């Protein structure tokens, strides 16, 4: 597995949304290990404080609660984070409301958090990113964006919208020195998250999903984080407006 030490983000300032646990926390951890200063946000203050305490062992961490469905909270958080970090070089839009159902609640959550929350984060961060000599935005979507979904139609549709938006946004922002890309993870297991809960409960759906993994295991947050670091690094300088699937071959295997 790629080690974060292979990337040098010394002096870089990074925001990772939805980073109190799971993939987001793994991304923050990798950036810290590579020398960056990182700001994390999430809705739950208790989980956020716990994550900050744990991540602080790896480097300089700023944390503040932020509800990404609220435009005014996004503006406040980004300004506070940029001031605390001393600028901004990388924005990782990882947060999701996980609005799965095909009803008002599911669509409202997916649109307001996953889509508009991401767009508003980018707008709020842009003045600081434009001042960076190596600015990058990375969205975290899902392989669900590429297929129909009976279980999570709203989530899948909005993740597909982010994939489509990535190219348009990349074309708009590259002239301002900001690269934009997307990572689409497959099934990823992390402490306290969906798949770990199902595994511990002996849920047969976990075994069924695991069977779609040609590697014989679920993805881990570090698997996704390493791709995010690559896209944000100088090594990824010629990758613009792309969606990189990081699923261990799950899609190819029918997952």
C-alpha atoms as a PDB file:
ATOM      1  CA  UNK A   1       0.000   0.000   0.000  1.00  0.00           C
ATOM      2  CA  UNK A   2       1.210   3.507  -0.761  1.00  0.00           C
ATOM      3  CA  UNK A   3       2.580   5.289   2.292  1.00  0.00           C
ATOM      4  CA  UNK A   4       1.662   8.914   2.916  1.00  0.00           C
ATOM      5  CA  UNK A   5       5.381   9.551   3.381  1.00  0.00           C
ATOM      6  CA  UNK A   6       5.714   9.146  -0.392  1.00  0.00           C
ATOM      7  CA  UNK A   7       3.834  12.451  -0.700  1.00  0.00           C
ATOM      8  CA  UNK A   8       5.234  15.694   0.635  1.00  0.00           C
ATOM      9  CA  UNK A   9       2.593  18.193   1.689  1.00  0.00           C
ATOM     10  CA  UNK A  10       4.828  20.086   4.091  1.00  0.00           C
ATOM     11  CA  UNK A  11       3.369  23.573   4.568  1.00  0.00           C
ATOM     12  CA  UNK A  12       0.142  22.735   2.733  1.00  0.00           C
ATOM     13  CA  UNK A  13      -3.214  23.758   4.177  1.00  0.00           C
ATOM     14  CA  UNK A  14      -6.080  21.325   3.687  1.00  0.00           C
ATOM     15  CA  UNK A  15      -9.808  21.224   4.451  1.00  0.00           C
ATOM     16  CA  UNK A  16     -11.566  17.845   4.632  1.00  0.00           C
ATOM     17  CA  UNK A  17     -15.332  17.863   5.153  1.00  0.00           C
ATOM     18  CA  UNK A  18     -17.201  15.070   6.883  1.00  0.00           C
ATOM     19  CA  UNK A  19     -13.971  14.004   8.582  1.00  0.00           C
ATOM     20  CA  UNK A  20     -15.070  12.969  12.057  1.00  0.00           C
ATOM     21  CA  UNK A  21     -14.986   9.324  10.970  1.00  0.00           C
ATOM     22  CA  UNK A  22     -14.713   6.975   8.009  1.00  0.00           C
ATOM     23  CA  UNK A  23     -13.164   7.947   4.691  1.00  0.00           C
ATOM     24  CA  UNK A  24     -12.930  11.619   5.622  1.00  0.00           C
ATOM     25  CA  UNK A  25     -10.999  10.902   8.786  1.00  0.00           C
ATOM     26  CA  UNK A  26      -8.702   8.586   6.836  1.00  0.00           C
ATOM     27  CA  UNK A  27      -8.024  11.324   4.290  1.00  0.00           C
ATOM     28  CA  UNK A  28      -7.238  13.837   7.037  1.00  0.00           C
ATOM     29  CA  UNK A  29      -4.895  11.324   8.668  1.00  0.00           C
ATOM     30  CA  UNK A  30      -2.964  10.786   5.429  1.00  0.00           C
ATOM     31  CA  UNK A  31      -2.551  14.502   4.781  1.00  0.00           C
ATOM     32  CA  UNK A  32      -1.274  15.020   8.325  1.00  0.00           C
ATOM     33  CA  UNK A  33       1.219  12.183   7.933  1.00  0.00           C
ATOM     34  CA  UNK A  34       2.442  13.862   4.752  1.00  0.00           C
ATOM     35  CA  UNK A  35       3.131  17.116   6.585  1.00  0.00           C
ATOM     36  CA  UNK A  36      -0.003  19.188   5.932  1.00  0.00           C
ATOM     37  CA  UNK A  37      -1.999  21.268   8.385  1.00  0.00           C
ATOM     38  CA  UNK A  38      -5.614  20.115   8.236  1.00  0.00           C
ATOM     39  CA  UNK A  39      -9.016  21.497   9.160  1.00  0.00           C
ATOM     40  CA  UNK A  40     -11.886  19.066   9.567  1.00  0.00           C
ATOM     41  CA  UNK A  41     -15.595  19.631   9.929  1.00  0.00           C
ATOM     42  CA  UNK A  42     -18.711  17.572  10.568  1.00  0.00           C
ATOM     43  CA  UNK A  43     -22.157  18.097  12.031  1.00  0.00           C
ATOM     44  CA  UNK A  44     -21.655  16.110  15.244  1.00  0.00           C
ATOM     45  CA  UNK A  45     -19.542  18.112  17.698  1.00  0.00           C
ATOM     46  CA  UNK A  46     -18.809  15.142  19.966  1.00  0.00           C
ATOM     47  CA  UNK A  47     -17.465  12.903  17.195  1.00  0.00           C
ATOM     48  CA  UNK A  48     -15.576  15.857  15.747  1.00  0.00           C
ATOM     49  CA  UNK A  49     -13.789  16.597  19.021  1.00  0.00           C
ATOM     50  CA  UNK A  50     -12.875  12.931  19.398  1.00  0.00           C
ATOM     51  CA  UNK A  51     -11.477  12.871  15.854  1.00  0.00           C
ATOM     52  CA  UNK A  52      -9.466  16.042  16.456  1.00  0.00           C
ATOM     53  CA  UNK A  53      -7.943  14.559  19.612  1.00  0.00           C
ATOM     54  CA  UNK A  54      -6.970  11.380  17.770  1.00  0.00           C
ATOM     55  CA  UNK A  55      -5.673  13.116  14.639  1.00  0.00           C
ATOM     56  CA  UNK A  56      -3.656  15.669  16.591  1.00  0.00           C
ATOM     57  CA  UNK A  57      -1.074  12.976  17.298  1.00  0.00           C
ATOM     58  CA  UNK A  58      -0.165  13.108  13.591  1.00  0.00           C
ATOM     59  CA  UNK A  59       0.047  16.872  13.140  1.00  0.00           C
ATOM     60  CA  UNK A  60      -1.666  20.252  13.297  1.00  0.00           C
ATOM     61  CA  UNK A  61      -5.451  19.953  13.256  1.00  0.00           C
ATOM     62  CA  UNK A  62      -8.200  22.558  13.329  1.00  0.00           C
ATOM     63  CA  UNK A  63     -11.779  21.394  13.803  1.00  0.00           C
ATOM     64  CA  UNK A  64     -15.143  23.142  13.833  1.00  0.00           C
ATOM     65  CA  UNK A  65     -18.727  21.912  13.475  1.00  0.00           C
ATOM     66  CA  UNK A  66     -20.502  22.737  10.224  1.00  0.00           C
ATOM     67  CA  UNK A  67     -23.874  21.715   8.842  1.00  0.00           C
ATOM     68  CA  UNK A  68     -23.275  21.610   5.086  1.00  0.00           C
ATOM     69  CA  UNK A  69     -26.973  22.086   4.378  1.00  0.00           C
ATOM     70  CA  UNK A  70     -26.637  25.622   5.786  1.00  0.00           C
ATOM     71  CA  UNK A  71     -24.957  28.166   3.512  1.00  0.00           C
ATOM     72  CA  UNK A  72     -24.180  30.585   6.335  1.00  0.00           C
ATOM     73  CA  UNK A  73     -22.421  27.875   8.339  1.00  0.00           C
ATOM     74  CA  UNK A  74     -20.283  26.952   5.332  1.00  0.00           C
ATOM     75  CA  UNK A  75     -19.155  30.555   4.844  1.00  0.00           C
ATOM     76  CA  UNK A  76     -18.313  30.884   8.538  1.00  0.00           C
ATOM     77  CA  UNK A  77     -16.452  27.594   8.697  1.00  0.00           C
ATOM     78  CA  UNK A  78     -14.313  28.133   5.581  1.00  0.00           C
ATOM     79  CA  UNK A  79     -13.278  31.618   6.707  1.00  0.00           C
ATOM     80  CA  UNK A  80     -12.444  30.325  10.182  1.00  0.00           C
ATOM     81  CA  UNK A  81     -10.517  27.338   8.815  1.00  0.00           C
ATOM     82  CA  UNK A  82      -8.511  29.390   6.321  1.00  0.00           C
ATOM     83  CA  UNK A  83      -7.599  31.883   9.018  1.00  0.00           C
ATOM     84  CA  UNK A  84      -6.584  29.125  11.438  1.00  0.00           C
ATOM     85  CA  UNK A  85      -4.467  27.349   8.817  1.00  0.00           C
ATOM     86  CA  UNK A  86      -3.008  30.497   7.304  1.00  0.00           C
ATOM     87  CA  UNK A  87      -4.499  29.926   3.873  1.00  0.00           C
ATOM     88  CA  UNK A  88      -5.840  27.036   1.823  1.00  0.00           C
ATOM     89  CA  UNK A  89      -4.308  24.782  -0.835  1.00  0.00           C
ATOM     90  CA  UNK A  90      -6.560  21.720  -0.952  1.00  0.00           C
ATOM     91  CA  UNK A  91     -10.301  21.261  -0.473  1.00  0.00           C
ATOM     92  CA  UNK A  92     -11.639  17.721  -0.129  1.00  0.00           C
ATOM     93  CA  UNK A  93     -15.428  17.532  -0.321  1.00  0.00           C
ATOM     94  CA  UNK A  94     -16.109  14.228   1.377  1.00  0.00           C
ATOM     95  CA  UNK A  95     -19.216  14.895   3.472  1.00  0.00           C
ATOM     96  CA  UNK A  96     -22.497  13.167   2.637  1.00  0.00           C
ATOM     97  CA  UNK A  97     -25.928  13.305   4.198  1.00  0.00           C
ATOM     98  CA  UNK A  98     -26.549   9.739   2.919  1.00  0.00           C
ATOM     99  CA  UNK A  99     -30.055  10.611   1.787  1.00  0.00           C
ATOM    100  CA  UNK A 100     -30.966   7.253   0.335  1.00  0.00           C
ATOM    101  CA  UNK A 101     -34.748   7.112   0.047  1.00  0.00           C
ATOM    102  CA  UNK A 102     -36.824   8.140  -2.977  1.00  0.00           C
ATOM    103  CA  UNK A 103     -38.924  10.625  -1.001  1.00  0.00           C
ATOM    104  CA  UNK A 104     -38.794  14.252   0.079  1.00  0.00           C
ATOM    105  CA  UNK A 105     -36.455  13.544   2.971  1.00  0.00           C
ATOM    106  CA  UNK A 106     -33.984  11.524   0.896  1.00  0.00           C
ATOM    107  CA  UNK A 107     -33.871  13.991  -1.963  1.00  0.00           C
ATOM    108  CA  UNK A 108     -33.718  17.038   0.285  1.00  0.00           C
ATOM    109  CA  UNK A 109     -30.752  15.652   2.199  1.00  0.00           C
ATOM    110  CA  UNK A 110     -28.884  14.579  -0.932  1.00  0.00           C
ATOM    111  CA  UNK A 111     -29.448  17.856  -2.756  1.00  0.00           C
ATOM    112  CA  UNK A 112     -28.764  20.165   0.186  1.00  0.00           C
ATOM    113  CA  UNK A 113     -25.724  18.347   1.624  1.00  0.00           C
ATOM    114  CA  UNK A 114     -24.075  16.263  -1.096  1.00  0.00           C
ATOM    115  CA  UNK A 115     -24.687  18.623  -4.010  1.00  0.00           C
ATOM    116  CA  UNK A 116     -25.265  22.182  -2.814  1.00  0.00           C
ATOM    117  CA  UNK A 117     -23.047  21.708   0.234  1.00  0.00           C
ATOM    118  CA  UNK A 118     -20.201  20.765  -2.083  1.00  0.00           C
ATOM    119  CA  UNK A 119     -20.850  23.631  -4.484  1.00  0.00           C
ATOM    120  CA  UNK A 120     -21.075  26.172  -1.672  1.00  0.00           C
ATOM    121  CA  UNK A 121     -17.889  24.867  -0.058  1.00  0.00           C
ATOM    122  CA  UNK A 122     -16.074  25.403  -3.349  1.00  0.00           C
ATOM    123  CA  UNK A 123     -17.411  28.926  -3.745  1.00  0.00           C
ATOM    124  CA  UNK A 124     -16.496  29.868  -0.194  1.00  0.00           C
ATOM    125  CA  UNK A 125     -13.002  28.388  -0.526  1.00  0.00           C
ATOM    126  CA  UNK A 126     -12.199  29.780  -3.974  1.00  0.00           C
ATOM    127  CA  UNK A 127     -10.667  33.127  -2.891  1.00  0.00           C
ATOM    128  CA  UNK A 128      -8.099  31.273  -0.779  1.00  0.00           C
ATOM    129  CA  UNK A 129      -7.517  28.554  -3.372  1.00  0.00           C
ATOM    130  CA  UNK A 130      -6.860  31.155  -6.074  1.00  0.00           C
ATOM    131  CA  UNK A 131      -4.064  32.546  -3.900  1.00  0.00           C
ATOM    132  CA  UNK A 132      -2.388  29.133  -3.652  1.00  0.00           C
ATOM    133  CA  UNK A 133       0.415  28.154  -6.055  1.00  0.00           C
ATOM    134  CA  UNK A 134      -0.853  24.557  -6.150  1.00  0.00           C
ATOM    135  CA  UNK A 135      -4.587  24.553  -5.527  1.00  0.00           C
ATOM    136  CA  UNK A 136      -6.705  21.429  -5.807  1.00  0.00           C
ATOM    137  CA  UNK A 137     -10.310  20.410  -5.200  1.00  0.00           C
ATOM    138  CA  UNK A 138     -11.180  16.734  -4.856  1.00  0.00           C
ATOM    139  CA  UNK A 139     -14.780  15.551  -4.568  1.00  0.00           C
ATOM    140  CA  UNK A 140     -15.550  12.152  -3.050  1.00  0.00           C
ATOM    141  CA  UNK A 141     -18.500  10.499  -4.784  1.00  0.00           C
ATOM    142  CA  UNK A 142     -19.268   6.780  -5.154  1.00  0.00           C
ATOM    143  CA  UNK A 143     -19.383   3.989  -7.727  1.00  0.00           C
ATOM    144  CA  UNK A 144     -23.130   4.140  -7.101  1.00  0.00           C
ATOM    145  CA  UNK A 145     -23.042   7.159  -9.414  1.00  0.00           C
ATOM    146  CA  UNK A 146     -22.512   4.836 -12.388  1.00  0.00           C
ATOM    147  CA  UNK A 147     -25.433   2.457 -11.964  1.00  0.00           C
ATOM    148  CA  UNK A 148     -29.153   2.364 -11.115  1.00  0.00           C
ATOM    149  CA  UNK A 149     -29.920   1.933  -7.445  1.00  0.00           C
ATOM    150  CA  UNK A 150     -33.168   0.670  -5.952  1.00  0.00           C
ATOM    151  CA  UNK A 151     -31.884   1.048  -2.399  1.00  0.00           C
ATOM    152  CA  UNK A 152     -30.476   4.566  -2.693  1.00  0.00           C
ATOM    153  CA  UNK A 153     -31.918   6.353  -5.750  1.00  0.00           C
ATOM    154  CA  UNK A 154     -31.474   9.896  -4.408  1.00  0.00           C
ATOM    155  CA  UNK A 155     -27.907   9.265  -3.226  1.00  0.00           C
ATOM    156  CA  UNK A 156     -26.921   7.641  -6.522  1.00  0.00           C
ATOM    157  CA  UNK A 157     -28.446  10.393  -8.652  1.00  0.00           C
ATOM    158  CA  UNK A 158     -26.743  13.200  -6.749  1.00  0.00           C
ATOM    159  CA  UNK A 159     -23.383  11.429  -6.792  1.00  0.00           C
ATOM    160  CA  UNK A 160     -23.813  11.125 -10.568  1.00  0.00           C
ATOM    161  CA  UNK A 161     -24.526  14.858 -10.719  1.00  0.00           C
ATOM    162  CA  UNK A 162     -21.236  15.555  -8.946  1.00  0.00           C
ATOM    163  CA  UNK A 163     -19.373  13.385 -11.430  1.00  0.00           C
ATOM    164  CA  UNK A 164     -20.940  15.371 -14.272  1.00  0.00           C
ATOM    165  CA  UNK A 165     -20.229  18.680 -12.564  1.00  0.00           C
ATOM    166  CA  UNK A 166     -16.560  17.852 -12.040  1.00  0.00           C
ATOM    167  CA  UNK A 167     -15.655  18.319 -15.703  1.00  0.00           C
ATOM    168  CA  UNK A 168     -17.521  21.602 -16.036  1.00  0.00           C
ATOM    169  CA  UNK A 169     -16.067  22.961 -12.813  1.00  0.00           C
ATOM    170  CA  UNK A 170     -12.566  21.846 -13.821  1.00  0.00           C
ATOM    171  CA  UNK A 171     -12.790  23.745 -17.106  1.00  0.00           C
ATOM    172  CA  UNK A 172     -13.986  26.853 -15.304  1.00  0.00           C
ATOM    173  CA  UNK A 173     -11.356  26.845 -12.563  1.00  0.00           C
ATOM    174  CA  UNK A 174      -8.180  25.656 -14.301  1.00  0.00           C
ATOM    175  CA  UNK A 175      -7.623  29.153 -15.694  1.00  0.00           C
ATOM    176  CA  UNK A 176      -7.566  30.310 -12.067  1.00  0.00           C
ATOM    177  CA  UNK A 177      -4.937  27.727 -11.183  1.00  0.00           C
ATOM    178  CA  UNK A 178      -7.298  25.333  -9.405  1.00  0.00           C
ATOM    179  CA  UNK A 179      -7.426  21.685 -10.459  1.00  0.00           C
ATOM    180  CA  UNK A 180     -10.657  19.743  -9.866  1.00  0.00           C
ATOM    181  CA  UNK A 181     -11.072  15.961  -9.814  1.00  0.00           C
ATOM    182  CA  UNK A 182     -13.289  13.328  -8.246  1.00  0.00           C
ATOM    183  CA  UNK A 183     -12.679  10.006  -6.510  1.00  0.00           C
ATOM    184  CA  UNK A 184     -15.422   7.370  -6.656  1.00  0.00           C
ATOM    185  CA  UNK A 185     -14.925   4.776  -3.905  1.00  0.00           C
ATOM    186  CA  UNK A 186     -16.463   1.339  -3.852  1.00  0.00           C
ATOM    187  CA  UNK A 187     -17.697  -0.370  -0.689  1.00  0.00           C
ATOM    188  CA  UNK A 188     -15.449   0.865   2.102  1.00  0.00           C
ATOM    189  CA  UNK A 189     -15.424  -0.324   5.689  1.00  0.00           C
ATOM    190  CA  UNK A 190     -14.508   1.968   8.563  1.00  0.00           C
ATOM    191  CA  UNK A 191     -15.047   1.963  12.348  1.00  0.00           C
ATOM    192  CA  UNK A 192     -18.641   2.781  13.238  1.00  0.00           C
ATOM    193  CA  UNK A 193     -19.790   2.957   9.631  1.00  0.00           C
ATOM    194  CA  UNK A 194     -22.371   1.069   7.600  1.00  0.00           C
ATOM    195  CA  UNK A 195     -20.383  -1.982   6.533  1.00  0.00           C
ATOM    196  CA  UNK A 196     -18.652  -2.552   9.864  1.00  0.00           C
ATOM    197  CA  UNK A 197     -22.025  -2.440  11.606  1.00  0.00           C
ATOM    198  CA  UNK A 198     -23.419  -5.003   9.197  1.00  0.00           C
ATOM    199  CA  UNK A 199     -20.386  -7.254   9.503  1.00  0.00           C
ATOM    200  CA  UNK A 200     -20.539  -7.254  13.305  1.00  0.00           C
ATOM    201  CA  UNK A 201     -24.271  -7.998  13.147  1.00  0.00           C
ATOM    202  CA  UNK A 202     -23.725 -10.966  10.830  1.00  0.00           C
ATOM    203  CA  UNK A 203     -25.914  -9.343   8.173  1.00  0.00           C
ATOM    204  CA  UNK A 204     -26.052 -11.550   5.042  1.00  0.00           C
ATOM    205  CA  UNK A 205     -25.954  -8.415   2.873  1.00  0.00           C
ATOM    206  CA  UNK A 206     -22.420  -7.815   4.087  1.00  0.00           C
ATOM    207  CA  UNK A 207     -21.341 -11.226   2.842  1.00  0.00           C
ATOM    208  CA  UNK A 208     -23.111 -10.603  -0.462  1.00  0.00           C
ATOM    209  CA  UNK A 209     -21.305  -7.305  -0.945  1.00  0.00           C
ATOM    210  CA  UNK A 210     -17.978  -8.814   0.059  1.00  0.00           C
ATOM    211  CA  UNK A 211     -18.497 -11.464  -2.619  1.00  0.00           C
ATOM    212  CA  UNK A 212     -18.398  -8.722  -5.271  1.00  0.00           C
ATOM    213  CA  UNK A 213     -14.879  -7.770  -4.202  1.00  0.00           C
ATOM    214  CA  UNK A 214     -12.289  -9.551  -6.401  1.00  0.00           C
ATOM    215  CA  UNK A 215      -9.589  -8.697  -3.846  1.00  0.00           C
ATOM    216  CA  UNK A 216     -11.454 -10.607  -1.147  1.00  0.00           C
ATOM    217  CA  UNK A 217     -11.786  -7.612   1.168  1.00  0.00           C
ATOM    218  CA  UNK A 218     -13.662  -4.356   1.535  1.00  0.00           C
ATOM    219  CA  UNK A 219     -11.914  -1.084   0.836  1.00  0.00           C
ATOM    220  CA  UNK A 220     -10.346   0.834   3.709  1.00  0.00           C
ATOM    221  CA  UNK A 221     -10.233   4.615   4.218  1.00  0.00           C
ATOM    222  CA  UNK A 222      -6.490   4.619   3.468  1.00  0.00           C
ATOM    223  CA  UNK A 223      -7.172   3.084   0.037  1.00  0.00           C
ATOM    224  CA  UNK A 224      -9.251   6.105  -0.887  1.00  0.00           C
ATOM    225  CA  UNK A 225      -7.053   8.621   0.900  1.00  0.00           C
ATOM    226  CA  UNK A 226      -3.976   7.671  -1.123  1.00  0.00           C
ATOM    227  CA  UNK A 227      -5.833   8.435  -4.351  1.00  0.00           C
ATOM    228  CA  UNK A 228      -6.935  11.800  -2.972  1.00  0.00           C
ATOM    229  CA  UNK A 229      -3.350  12.644  -2.038  1.00  0.00           C
ATOM    230  CA  UNK A 230      -2.122  11.690  -5.494  1.00  0.00           C
ATOM    231  CA  UNK A 231      -4.699  13.903  -7.202  1.00  0.00           C
ATOM    232  CA  UNK A 232      -3.833  16.785  -4.862  1.00  0.00           C
ATOM    233  CA  UNK A 233      -0.073  16.406  -5.318  1.00  0.00           C
ATOM    234  CA  UNK A 234       2.295  17.585  -8.017  1.00  0.00           C
ATOM    235  CA  UNK A 235       2.352  14.002  -9.276  1.00  0.00           C
ATOM    236  CA  UNK A 236      -1.272  14.515 -10.331  1.00  0.00           C
ATOM    237  CA  UNK A 237      -0.656  17.892 -11.975  1.00  0.00           C
ATOM    238  CA  UNK A 238      -1.794  16.686 -15.419  1.00  0.00           C
ATOM    239  CA  UNK A 239      -5.021  15.095 -14.167  1.00  0.00           C
ATOM    240  CA  UNK A 240      -7.838  17.606 -14.596  1.00  0.00           C
ATOM    241  CA  UNK A 241     -11.601  17.083 -14.498  1.00  0.00           C
ATOM    242  CA  UNK A 242     -11.402  13.314 -14.083  1.00  0.00           C
ATOM    243  CA  UNK A 243     -13.266  10.786 -11.965  1.00  0.00           C
ATOM    244  CA  UNK A 244     -10.947   8.104 -10.609  1.00  0.00           C
ATOM    245  CA  UNK A 245     -12.687   4.904  -9.519  1.00  0.00           C
ATOM    246  CA  UNK A 246     -11.072   3.422  -6.406  1.00  0.00           C
ATOM    247  CA  UNK A 247     -12.989   0.231  -5.733  1.00  0.00           C
ATOM    248  CA  UNK A 248     -10.529  -2.679  -5.915  1.00  0.00           C
ATOM    249  CA  UNK A 249     -12.200  -3.875  -9.099  1.00  0.00           C
ATOM    250  CA  UNK A 250     -15.680  -4.084  -7.579  1.00  0.00           C
ATOM    251  CA  UNK A 251     -17.486  -2.578 -10.574  1.00  0.00           C
ATOM    252  CA  UNK A 252     -15.677  -4.887 -12.975  1.00  0.00           C
ATOM    253  CA  UNK A 253     -16.830  -7.818 -10.869  1.00  0.00           C
ATOM    254  CA  UNK A 254     -20.512  -6.862 -10.922  1.00  0.00           C
ATOM    255  CA  UNK A 255     -20.541  -4.972  -7.635  1.00  0.00           C
END
